[in-house]
Amino acid sequence: MPAPDEPISPPLSPQEREALLGISQGRTTTETACDMGVSDSTVKTYILRIGGKLGTSERAGMVHLAYRHGHLDVPGPVDYIVELPEEQRTVLAGLAGGKTVQEIAAVAKGPLDDVRKDARRLLRALGASSAAHAVTRGWQFRLLGPATGRDNSGDVVAMAGQA
């Protein structure tokens, strides 16, 4: 649920929720459209609307905010622990905060190629197929969300930039 000082986002339609659920599970726009029985452009329109309601254009950020605001059910935890190096935790926090890899590199004051490598390693470590799916896996592994004490992912990226 949102933090007490966090604004409440407008509700998502059932179709928007279904589209976002597909994206959160690592499905492509085409796969999600097929599952929903609609066109790719319809799913893209749903995603654009979701971004407007949640205030971000990045799908990974949308997924994170949807979990925080209760638009999507938080996935159940997994039975094992994943330890991530600090660089990968920074990338995950940045993605959850709605940042692109380029923005994460700029904030962390690190080379873009290194951040891209960390992002690829992060996806492999979490068994994720996309940035949005990595956020879902981050919630499953309790690397993100209120149980971690690191719910404000933007702060983690800001701290990494100060190092």
Protein backbone atom coordinates (compact mmCIF):
# COMPACT_ATOMS: atom_id res chain seq x y z
CA MET A 1 0.00 0.00 0.00
CA PRO A 2 1.12 3.60 -0.48
CA ALA A 3 3.04 5.34 2.25
CA PRO A 4 0.89 7.70 4.37
CA ASP A 5 2.33 10.78 2.66
CA GLU A 6 2.11 9.29 -0.85
CA PRO A 7 -0.76 10.42 -3.10
CA ILE A 8 -3.38 7.84 -4.03
CA SER A 9 -3.30 7.00 -7.73
CA PRO A 10 -6.48 6.74 -9.81
CA PRO A 11 -7.86 3.22 -10.17
CA LEU A 12 -6.86 1.08 -13.14
CA SER A 13 -9.51 -0.45 -15.37
CA PRO A 14 -9.72 -4.26 -15.46
CA GLN A 15 -8.15 -4.17 -18.94
CA GLU A 16 -5.29 -1.95 -17.74
CA ARG A 17 -4.67 -4.29 -14.81
CA GLU A 18 -4.62 -7.30 -17.13
CA ALA A 19 -2.18 -5.59 -19.50
CA LEU A 20 0.09 -4.58 -16.62
CA LEU A 21 -0.07 -8.07 -15.13
CA GLY A 22 1.16 -9.53 -18.42
CA ILE A 23 4.04 -7.06 -18.56
CA SER A 24 4.88 -7.73 -14.89
CA GLN A 25 5.14 -11.45 -15.66
CA GLY A 26 7.71 -10.85 -18.38
CA ARG A 27 5.34 -11.26 -21.29
CA THR A 28 5.85 -9.14 -24.39
CA THR A 29 3.27 -6.69 -25.66
CA THR A 30 2.35 -9.18 -28.40
CA GLU A 31 1.99 -12.09 -25.95
CA THR A 32 -0.11 -9.95 -23.62
CA ALA A 33 -2.30 -8.79 -26.51
CA CYS A 34 -2.81 -12.40 -27.62
CA ASP A 35 -3.74 -13.43 -24.05
CA MET A 36 -6.23 -10.55 -23.84
CA GLY A 37 -7.65 -11.07 -27.33
CA VAL A 38 -6.81 -7.52 -28.41
CA SER A 39 -4.28 -5.88 -30.73
CA ASP A 40 -0.76 -4.85 -29.80
CA SER A 41 -1.74 -1.19 -30.19
CA THR A 42 -4.59 -1.66 -27.69
CA VAL A 43 -2.16 -3.04 -25.09
CA LYS A 44 0.22 -0.14 -25.80
CA THR A 45 -2.68 2.27 -25.25
CA TYR A 46 -3.47 0.60 -21.92
CA ILE A 47 0.17 0.91 -20.89
CA LEU A 48 0.23 4.61 -21.86
CA ARG A 49 -2.90 5.20 -19.77
CA ILE A 50 -1.38 3.36 -16.82
CA GLY A 51 1.74 5.50 -17.11
CA GLY A 52 -0.39 8.63 -17.03
CA LYS A 53 -2.25 7.45 -13.96
CA LEU A 54 0.89 6.36 -12.10
CA GLY A 55 3.12 9.19 -13.29
CA THR A 56 5.85 7.25 -15.09
CA SER A 57 6.51 6.20 -18.66
CA GLU A 58 8.82 3.29 -17.75
CA ARG A 59 7.12 -0.10 -17.49
CA ALA A 60 9.31 -1.28 -14.61
CA GLY A 61 8.35 1.80 -12.61
CA MET A 62 4.68 1.18 -13.42
CA VAL A 63 4.91 -2.37 -12.08
CA HIS A 64 6.60 -1.21 -8.86
CA LEU A 65 4.01 1.52 -8.28
CA ALA A 66 1.18 -0.89 -9.08
CA TYR A 67 2.39 -3.20 -6.30
CA ARG A 68 2.83 -0.30 -3.89
CA HIS A 69 -0.62 1.13 -4.62
CA GLY A 70 -2.39 -2.23 -4.59
CA HIS A 71 -3.28 -2.23 -8.31
CA LEU A 72 -1.56 -5.61 -8.66
CA ASP A 73 -1.40 -8.33 -6.04
CA VAL A 74 2.09 -8.58 -4.59
CA PRO A 75 3.62 -11.87 -5.76
CA GLY A 76 4.23 -14.52 -3.17
CA PRO A 77 7.77 -14.92 -1.87
CA VAL A 78 10.09 -17.55 -3.30
CA ASP A 79 11.69 -20.29 -1.22
CA TYR A 80 15.30 -19.26 -1.71
CA ILE A 81 17.45 -16.17 -1.30
CA VAL A 82 19.24 -14.27 -4.03
CA GLU A 83 22.22 -12.17 -3.04
CA LEU A 84 22.93 -9.33 -5.44
CA PRO A 85 26.07 -7.20 -5.61
CA GLU A 86 25.55 -3.54 -4.72
CA GLU A 87 25.73 -2.51 -8.41
CA GLN A 88 22.85 -4.81 -9.32
CA ARG A 89 20.79 -3.70 -6.30
CA THR A 90 21.31 -0.11 -7.47
CA VAL A 91 20.09 -1.01 -10.97
CA LEU A 92 17.04 -2.81 -9.56
CA ALA A 93 16.18 0.14 -7.34
CA GLY A 94 16.58 2.54 -10.25
CA LEU A 95 14.37 0.45 -12.52
CA ALA A 96 11.72 0.22 -9.81
CA GLY A 97 11.98 3.98 -9.43
CA GLY A 98 11.07 4.42 -13.10
CA LYS A 99 14.56 5.27 -14.30
CA THR A 100 16.16 4.13 -17.54
CA VAL A 101 19.58 2.49 -17.57
CA GLN A 102 20.99 5.76 -18.91
CA GLU A 103 19.48 7.70 -15.99
CA ILE A 104 20.78 5.15 -13.49
CA ALA A 105 24.29 5.51 -14.93
CA ALA A 106 24.07 9.31 -14.78
CA VAL A 107 22.87 9.32 -11.15
CA ALA A 108 25.46 6.74 -10.09
CA LYS A 109 28.13 8.61 -12.08
CA GLY A 110 29.22 5.33 -13.63
CA PRO A 111 29.99 4.29 -17.19
CA LEU A 112 26.85 3.44 -19.15
CA ASP A 113 28.37 0.20 -20.48
CA ASP A 114 29.04 -0.99 -16.92
CA VAL A 115 25.46 -0.24 -15.86
CA ARG A 116 24.15 -2.08 -18.94
CA LYS A 117 26.26 -5.11 -17.99
CA ASP A 118 24.97 -4.92 -14.42
CA ALA A 119 21.40 -4.76 -15.76
CA ARG A 120 21.93 -7.88 -17.90
CA ARG A 121 23.50 -9.70 -14.94
CA LEU A 122 20.57 -8.61 -12.77
CA LEU A 123 18.05 -10.07 -15.22
CA ARG A 124 19.98 -13.35 -15.29
CA ALA A 125 20.32 -13.50 -11.50
CA LEU A 126 16.59 -12.92 -11.01
CA GLY A 127 15.48 -15.13 -13.90
CA ALA A 128 13.73 -12.14 -15.46
CA SER A 129 13.04 -11.48 -19.12
CA SER A 130 12.59 -7.69 -18.89
CA ALA A 131 13.08 -4.77 -16.53
CA ALA A 132 9.41 -4.90 -15.50
CA HIS A 133 9.72 -8.63 -14.81
CA ALA A 134 12.89 -7.93 -12.76
CA VAL A 135 10.84 -5.62 -10.54
CA THR A 136 8.29 -8.40 -9.99
CA ARG A 137 11.11 -10.81 -9.17
CA GLY A 138 12.57 -8.17 -6.85
CA TRP A 139 9.29 -8.16 -4.94
CA GLN A 140 9.23 -11.97 -4.89
CA PHE A 141 12.76 -12.14 -3.50
CA ARG A 142 11.90 -9.34 -1.04
CA LEU A 143 14.59 -7.12 -2.54
CA LEU A 144 11.87 -4.48 -3.08
CA GLY A 145 8.78 -3.54 -1.14
CA PRO A 146 7.92 -2.64 2.43
CA ALA A 147 9.35 -5.86 3.92
CA THR A 148 12.85 -4.72 2.93
CA GLY A 149 12.90 -1.28 4.45
CA ARG A 150 14.04 -0.15 0.97
CA ASP A 151 10.60 0.71 -0.43
CA ASN A 152 11.69 4.15 -1.63
CA SER A 153 13.87 2.95 -4.47
CA GLY A 154 14.80 6.46 -5.58
CA ASP A 155 16.73 6.97 -2.34
CA VAL A 156 18.87 3.89 -3.01
CA VAL A 157 19.89 5.24 -6.41
CA ALA A 158 20.58 8.67 -4.95
CA MET A 159 22.80 7.11 -2.28
CA ALA A 160 24.70 5.13 -4.91
CA GLY A 161 25.37 8.35 -6.78
CA GLN A 162 26.95 9.85 -3.66
CA ALA A 163 29.41 6.97 -3.18
